[in-house]
Amino acid sequence: RHRQQHTAKHILSQTFVRLFGFNTVSVHLGEEYGAIEFDTKEISAAQLDEAEQFAMQIVFDNLPIEILFIDSSQVADTPLRRAPTREGEIRVIKIGELDYSACGGTHCATTGEVGIIKIIGTEKLRGRPLVKFLSGVKAFEDYRTRYDVSDLIAQSLTCSVVDLPEKLIKLQEENKAVKQELVRVLKDGLPARAQE
């Protein structure tokens, strides 16, 4: 799970650089989800969708992931996303020709091993967007849960999953109308009840 999440983070960081020029400011790789803070004020829903599709294409391309060791004197000749500040031997993770990053972490052997990259939302952190994501086994587990829940609701409402939003709106409107009618009936009945 950690290898999938860590590799997905590299893919997403490079994706946002390539598509929009947004650089990674900070990273959170947690038990529940991964998150990347970017150096911009806003990221639109359309940009998130485009980034997710681009990242998934990298997964589908099944690019090889290599571990390279270079001397700090070679940093200028290596297209690193961010140049390291330390001297001596530098460990570099190379994802196809997509990304070169100085990194000491664990990674998948190919991008295909990541399985799924799903952006699950954003929030603000220090005035910048924090993009949350799931990957690999964690994304699959989340999908299974969401599938089971949405399928159960669709069956109980006798509609297809794609019709759930429309069905929900209709139920909310009906519920609101019933409440209004109930309030009216109770108001109309109060004088009679008071008289009794």
C-alpha atoms as a PDB file:
ATOM      1  CA  ARG A   1       0.000   0.000   0.000  1.00  0.00           C
ATOM      2  CA  HIS A   2       2.780   2.412   0.858  1.00  0.00           C
ATOM      3  CA  ARG A   3       4.640   1.681  -2.383  1.00  0.00           C
ATOM      4  CA  GLN A   4       1.443   2.263  -4.370  1.00  0.00           C
ATOM      5  CA  GLN A   5       0.679   5.492  -2.509  1.00  0.00           C
ATOM      6  CA  HIS A   6       4.246   6.789  -2.738  1.00  0.00           C
ATOM      7  CA  THR A   7       4.486   6.034  -6.471  1.00  0.00           C
ATOM      8  CA  ALA A   8       1.039   7.586  -7.049  1.00  0.00           C
ATOM      9  CA  LYS A   9       2.279  10.719  -5.281  1.00  0.00           C
ATOM     10  CA  HIS A  10       5.242  10.968  -7.687  1.00  0.00           C
ATOM     11  CA  ILE A  11       2.909  10.494 -10.669  1.00  0.00           C
ATOM     12  CA  LEU A  12       0.462  13.136  -9.432  1.00  0.00           C
ATOM     13  CA  SER A  13       3.187  15.642  -8.539  1.00  0.00           C
ATOM     14  CA  GLN A  14       4.660  15.379 -12.016  1.00  0.00           C
ATOM     15  CA  THR A  15       1.187  15.427 -13.597  1.00  0.00           C
ATOM     16  CA  PHE A  16       0.344  18.795 -12.009  1.00  0.00           C
ATOM     17  CA  VAL A  17       3.720  20.211 -13.080  1.00  0.00           C
ATOM     18  CA  ARG A  18       3.303  19.021 -16.677  1.00  0.00           C
ATOM     19  CA  LEU A  19      -0.315  20.064 -17.103  1.00  0.00           C
ATOM     20  CA  PHE A  20      -0.514  23.292 -15.098  1.00  0.00           C
ATOM     21  CA  GLY A  21       2.958  24.232 -13.828  1.00  0.00           C
ATOM     22  CA  PHE A  22       1.914  23.618 -10.186  1.00  0.00           C
ATOM     23  CA  ASN A  23       4.786  22.463  -7.967  1.00  0.00           C
ATOM     24  CA  THR A  24       4.490  20.325  -4.849  1.00  0.00           C
ATOM     25  CA  VAL A  25       4.918  22.234  -1.588  1.00  0.00           C
ATOM     26  CA  SER A  26       4.236  19.455   0.904  1.00  0.00           C
ATOM     27  CA  VAL A  27       3.065  15.840   1.003  1.00  0.00           C
ATOM     28  CA  HIS A  28       1.034  13.728   3.422  1.00  0.00           C
ATOM     29  CA  LEU A  29       1.058   9.942   2.961  1.00  0.00           C
ATOM     30  CA  GLY A  30      -1.342   8.691   5.595  1.00  0.00           C
ATOM     31  CA  GLU A  31      -3.317   5.625   6.541  1.00  0.00           C
ATOM     32  CA  GLU A  32      -6.618   7.020   5.226  1.00  0.00           C
ATOM     33  CA  TYR A  33      -5.442   8.901   2.111  1.00  0.00           C
ATOM     34  CA  GLY A  34      -2.523  10.678   0.473  1.00  0.00           C
ATOM     35  CA  ALA A  35      -2.453  14.451  -0.032  1.00  0.00           C
ATOM     36  CA  ILE A  36      -0.317  16.924  -1.962  1.00  0.00           C
ATOM     37  CA  GLU A  37      -0.190  20.672  -1.342  1.00  0.00           C
ATOM     38  CA  PHE A  38       0.468  22.698  -4.506  1.00  0.00           C
ATOM     39  CA  ASP A  39       1.950  26.177  -4.987  1.00  0.00           C
ATOM     40  CA  THR A  40      -1.182  27.801  -6.414  1.00  0.00           C
ATOM     41  CA  LYS A  41      -4.252  29.533  -5.006  1.00  0.00           C
ATOM     42  CA  GLU A  42      -6.908  27.465  -6.790  1.00  0.00           C
ATOM     43  CA  ILE A  43      -7.354  24.209  -8.679  1.00  0.00           C
ATOM     44  CA  SER A  44     -10.602  23.845 -10.606  1.00  0.00           C
ATOM     45  CA  ALA A  45     -12.764  20.739 -10.840  1.00  0.00           C
ATOM     46  CA  ALA A  46     -11.879  20.542 -14.548  1.00  0.00           C
ATOM     47  CA  GLN A  47      -8.159  20.598 -13.711  1.00  0.00           C
ATOM     48  CA  LEU A  48      -8.613  17.846 -11.119  1.00  0.00           C
ATOM     49  CA  ASP A  49     -10.451  15.726 -13.679  1.00  0.00           C
ATOM     50  CA  GLU A  50      -7.777  16.319 -16.339  1.00  0.00           C
ATOM     51  CA  ALA A  51      -4.997  15.499 -13.851  1.00  0.00           C
ATOM     52  CA  GLU A  52      -6.706  12.299 -12.739  1.00  0.00           C
ATOM     53  CA  GLN A  53      -7.138  11.132 -16.338  1.00  0.00           C
ATOM     54  CA  PHE A  54      -3.510  11.970 -17.167  1.00  0.00           C
ATOM     55  CA  ALA A  55      -2.263  10.129 -14.064  1.00  0.00           C
ATOM     56  CA  MET A  56      -4.367   7.062 -14.866  1.00  0.00           C
ATOM     57  CA  GLN A  57      -2.943   7.024 -18.403  1.00  0.00           C
ATOM     58  CA  ILE A  58       0.530   6.853 -16.836  1.00  0.00           C
ATOM     59  CA  VAL A  59      -0.676   3.842 -14.814  1.00  0.00           C
ATOM     60  CA  PHE A  60      -2.126   2.200 -17.946  1.00  0.00           C
ATOM     61  CA  ASP A  61       1.139   2.843 -19.826  1.00  0.00           C
ATOM     62  CA  ASN A  62       2.861   0.616 -17.251  1.00  0.00           C
ATOM     63  CA  LEU A  63       6.087   2.622 -17.334  1.00  0.00           C
ATOM     64  CA  PRO A  64       9.184   1.069 -15.752  1.00  0.00           C
ATOM     65  CA  ILE A  65      10.356   2.549 -12.467  1.00  0.00           C
ATOM     66  CA  GLU A  66      14.102   2.525 -11.907  1.00  0.00           C
ATOM     67  CA  ILE A  67      16.350   3.398  -8.999  1.00  0.00           C
ATOM     68  CA  LEU A  68      19.432   5.342 -10.084  1.00  0.00           C
ATOM     69  CA  PHE A  69      22.368   6.574  -8.059  1.00  0.00           C
ATOM     70  CA  ILE A  70      24.096   9.739  -9.217  1.00  0.00           C
ATOM     71  CA  ASP A  71      26.725  11.968  -7.704  1.00  0.00           C
ATOM     72  CA  SER A  72      25.592  15.445  -6.683  1.00  0.00           C
ATOM     73  CA  SER A  73      27.926  16.800  -9.368  1.00  0.00           C
ATOM     74  CA  GLN A  74      25.606  15.178 -11.977  1.00  0.00           C
ATOM     75  CA  VAL A  75      22.452  16.877 -10.729  1.00  0.00           C
ATOM     76  CA  ALA A  76      22.636  19.618 -13.373  1.00  0.00           C
ATOM     77  CA  ASP A  77      22.657  16.937 -16.116  1.00  0.00           C
ATOM     78  CA  THR A  78      19.633  15.073 -14.692  1.00  0.00           C
ATOM     79  CA  PRO A  79      16.097  16.445 -15.287  1.00  0.00           C
ATOM     80  CA  LEU A  80      15.116  16.327 -11.623  1.00  0.00           C
ATOM     81  CA  ARG A  81      11.748  17.808 -10.647  1.00  0.00           C
ATOM     82  CA  ARG A  82      13.468  19.446  -7.667  1.00  0.00           C
ATOM     83  CA  ALA A  83      17.231  19.605  -7.201  1.00  0.00           C
ATOM     84  CA  PRO A  84      18.441  18.199  -3.853  1.00  0.00           C
ATOM     85  CA  THR A  85      20.551  20.347  -1.555  1.00  0.00           C
ATOM     86  CA  ARG A  86      22.759  17.577  -0.167  1.00  0.00           C
ATOM     87  CA  GLU A  87      26.160  16.583  -1.490  1.00  0.00           C
ATOM     88  CA  GLY A  88      27.462  13.134  -2.395  1.00  0.00           C
ATOM     89  CA  GLU A  89      25.512  10.195  -3.748  1.00  0.00           C
ATOM     90  CA  ILE A  90      21.886  10.938  -4.624  1.00  0.00           C
ATOM     91  CA  ARG A  91      19.230   8.237  -5.001  1.00  0.00           C
ATOM     92  CA  VAL A  92      16.910   9.066  -7.915  1.00  0.00           C
ATOM     93  CA  ILE A  93      13.581   7.450  -8.777  1.00  0.00           C
ATOM     94  CA  LYS A  94      13.044   7.457 -12.542  1.00  0.00           C
ATOM     95  CA  ILE A  95       9.500   6.808 -13.805  1.00  0.00           C
ATOM     96  CA  GLY A  96       9.831   6.171 -17.545  1.00  0.00           C
ATOM     97  CA  GLU A  97      10.679   9.554 -19.033  1.00  0.00           C
ATOM     98  CA  LEU A  98       7.922  11.163 -16.959  1.00  0.00           C
ATOM     99  CA  ASP A  99       9.653  11.893 -13.676  1.00  0.00           C
ATOM    100  CA  TYR A 100      13.097  11.999 -12.105  1.00  0.00           C
ATOM    101  CA  SER A 101      12.983  12.666  -8.373  1.00  0.00           C
ATOM    102  CA  ALA A 102      15.587  12.491  -5.650  1.00  0.00           C
ATOM    103  CA  CYS A 103      13.899  10.135  -3.206  1.00  0.00           C
ATOM    104  CA  GLY A 104      14.824   7.550  -0.595  1.00  0.00           C
ATOM    105  CA  GLY A 105      11.382   5.940  -0.381  1.00  0.00           C
ATOM    106  CA  THR A 106       9.882   2.654  -1.538  1.00  0.00           C
ATOM    107  CA  HIS A 107       8.194   2.424  -4.946  1.00  0.00           C
ATOM    108  CA  CYS A 108       6.466   0.010  -7.303  1.00  0.00           C
ATOM    109  CA  ALA A 109       8.483  -1.642 -10.099  1.00  0.00           C
ATOM    110  CA  THR A 110       6.143  -0.260 -12.798  1.00  0.00           C
ATOM    111  CA  THR A 111       3.386   2.347 -12.861  1.00  0.00           C
ATOM    112  CA  GLY A 112       0.858  -0.421 -13.594  1.00  0.00           C
ATOM    113  CA  GLU A 113       1.437  -1.796 -10.081  1.00  0.00           C
ATOM    114  CA  VAL A 114      -0.142   1.391  -8.682  1.00  0.00           C
ATOM    115  CA  GLY A 115      -3.479   0.059  -9.951  1.00  0.00           C
ATOM    116  CA  ILE A 116      -5.776   3.041  -9.461  1.00  0.00           C
ATOM    117  CA  ILE A 117      -5.244   6.719  -8.722  1.00  0.00           C
ATOM    118  CA  LYS A 118      -8.421   8.476  -7.602  1.00  0.00           C
ATOM    119  CA  ILE A 119      -8.555  12.122  -6.550  1.00  0.00           C
ATOM    120  CA  ILE A 120     -11.098  12.302  -3.736  1.00  0.00           C
ATOM    121  CA  GLY A 121     -11.241  16.029  -3.019  1.00  0.00           C
ATOM    122  CA  THR A 122      -9.420  19.153  -1.984  1.00  0.00           C
ATOM    123  CA  GLU A 123      -9.210  21.447   0.997  1.00  0.00           C
ATOM    124  CA  LYS A 124      -7.264  24.607   1.780  1.00  0.00           C
ATOM    125  CA  LEU A 125      -3.954  24.481   3.622  1.00  0.00           C
ATOM    126  CA  ARG A 126      -2.098  27.743   4.268  1.00  0.00           C
ATOM    127  CA  GLY A 127      -4.186  29.336   1.497  1.00  0.00           C
ATOM    128  CA  ARG A 128      -3.181  26.685  -1.043  1.00  0.00           C
ATOM    129  CA  PRO A 129      -5.077  23.638  -2.341  1.00  0.00           C
ATOM    130  CA  LEU A 130      -4.369  20.272  -0.759  1.00  0.00           C
ATOM    131  CA  VAL A 131      -5.335  17.545  -3.232  1.00  0.00           C
ATOM    132  CA  LYS A 132      -6.393  14.291  -1.557  1.00  0.00           C
ATOM    133  CA  PHE A 133      -6.085  10.966  -3.351  1.00  0.00           C
ATOM    134  CA  LEU A 134      -6.423   7.218  -2.963  1.00  0.00           C
ATOM    135  CA  SER A 135      -4.363   4.640  -4.806  1.00  0.00           C
ATOM    136  CA  GLY A 136      -3.959   0.934  -5.324  1.00  0.00           C
ATOM    137  CA  VAL A 137      -5.510  -1.415  -2.785  1.00  0.00           C
ATOM    138  CA  LYS A 138      -6.906   1.522  -0.761  1.00  0.00           C
ATOM    139  CA  ALA A 139      -8.696   2.934  -3.832  1.00  0.00           C
ATOM    140  CA  PHE A 140     -10.088  -0.501  -4.666  1.00  0.00           C
ATOM    141  CA  GLU A 141     -11.390  -0.981  -1.109  1.00  0.00           C
ATOM    142  CA  ASP A 142     -13.016   2.450  -1.258  1.00  0.00           C
ATOM    143  CA  TYR A 143     -14.621   1.577  -4.614  1.00  0.00           C
ATOM    144  CA  ARG A 144     -15.998  -1.707  -3.227  1.00  0.00           C
ATOM    145  CA  THR A 145     -17.564   0.108  -0.274  1.00  0.00           C
ATOM    146  CA  ARG A 146     -19.067   2.810  -2.468  1.00  0.00           C
ATOM    147  CA  TYR A 147     -20.349   0.231  -4.944  1.00  0.00           C
ATOM    148  CA  ASP A 148     -21.999  -1.847  -2.212  1.00  0.00           C
ATOM    149  CA  VAL A 149     -23.656   1.211  -0.645  1.00  0.00           C
ATOM    150  CA  SER A 150     -24.867   2.738  -3.918  1.00  0.00           C
ATOM    151  CA  ASP A 151     -26.099  -0.640  -5.190  1.00  0.00           C
ATOM    152  CA  LEU A 152     -28.056  -1.242  -1.972  1.00  0.00           C
ATOM    153  CA  ILE A 153     -29.666   2.215  -2.181  1.00  0.00           C
ATOM    154  CA  ALA A 154     -30.461   1.773  -5.899  1.00  0.00           C
ATOM    155  CA  GLN A 155     -32.102  -1.587  -5.225  1.00  0.00           C
ATOM    156  CA  SER A 156     -34.185  -0.215  -2.356  1.00  0.00           C
ATOM    157  CA  LEU A 157     -35.344   2.711  -4.530  1.00  0.00           C
ATOM    158  CA  THR A 158     -35.819   0.404  -7.558  1.00  0.00           C
ATOM    159  CA  CYS A 159     -33.682   2.468  -9.895  1.00  0.00           C
ATOM    160  CA  SER A 160     -30.257   2.241 -11.459  1.00  0.00           C
ATOM    161  CA  VAL A 161     -27.198   3.759  -9.777  1.00  0.00           C
ATOM    162  CA  VAL A 162     -26.954   6.495 -12.425  1.00  0.00           C
ATOM    163  CA  ASP A 163     -30.543   7.541 -11.620  1.00  0.00           C
ATOM    164  CA  LEU A 164     -29.831   7.975  -7.880  1.00  0.00           C
ATOM    165  CA  PRO A 165     -29.153  11.757  -7.991  1.00  0.00           C
ATOM    166  CA  GLU A 166     -32.437  12.400  -9.831  1.00  0.00           C
ATOM    167  CA  LYS A 167     -34.295  10.045  -7.499  1.00  0.00           C
ATOM    168  CA  LEU A 168     -32.803  11.807  -4.453  1.00  0.00           C
ATOM    169  CA  ILE A 169     -33.895  15.238  -5.707  1.00  0.00           C
ATOM    170  CA  LYS A 170     -37.414  13.918  -6.336  1.00  0.00           C
ATOM    171  CA  LEU A 171     -37.601  12.364  -2.856  1.00  0.00           C
ATOM    172  CA  GLN A 172     -36.366  15.591  -1.248  1.00  0.00           C
ATOM    173  CA  GLU A 173     -38.998  17.615  -3.118  1.00  0.00           C
ATOM    174  CA  GLU A 174     -41.725  15.142  -2.129  1.00  0.00           C
ATOM    175  CA  ASN A 175     -40.560  15.185   1.492  1.00  0.00           C
ATOM    176  CA  LYS A 176     -40.634  18.993   1.544  1.00  0.00           C
ATOM    177  CA  ALA A 177     -44.174  19.028   0.066  1.00  0.00           C
ATOM    178  CA  VAL A 178     -45.398  16.449   2.612  1.00  0.00           C
ATOM    179  CA  LYS A 179     -43.926  18.487   5.495  1.00  0.00           C
ATOM    180  CA  GLN A 180     -45.596  21.666   4.202  1.00  0.00           C
ATOM    181  CA  GLU A 181     -48.923  19.837   3.869  1.00  0.00           C
ATOM    182  CA  LEU A 182     -48.568  18.406   7.369  1.00  0.00           C
ATOM    183  CA  VAL A 183     -47.902  21.873   8.813  1.00  0.00           C
ATOM    184  CA  ARG A 184     -50.975  23.226   6.949  1.00  0.00           C
ATOM    185  CA  VAL A 185     -53.213  20.396   8.178  1.00  0.00           C
ATOM    186  CA  LEU A 186     -52.010  20.853  11.753  1.00  0.00           C
ATOM    187  CA  LYS A 187     -52.601  24.626  11.594  1.00  0.00           C
ATOM    188  CA  ASP A 188     -56.075  24.151  10.116  1.00  0.00           C
ATOM    189  CA  GLY A 189     -56.911  21.594  12.788  1.00  0.00           C
ATOM    190  CA  LEU A 190     -55.660  23.621  15.769  1.00  0.00           C
ATOM    191  CA  PRO A 191     -58.835  25.717  16.271  1.00  0.00           C
ATOM    192  CA  ALA A 192     -61.015  22.574  16.253  1.00  0.00           C
ATOM    193  CA  ARG A 193     -58.674  20.797  18.645  1.00  0.00           C
ATOM    194  CA  ALA A 194     -58.563  23.854  20.883  1.00  0.00           C
ATOM    195  CA  GLN A 195     -62.366  23.998  20.879  1.00  0.00           C
ATOM    196  CA  GLU A 196     -62.536  20.330  21.883  1.00  0.00           C
END
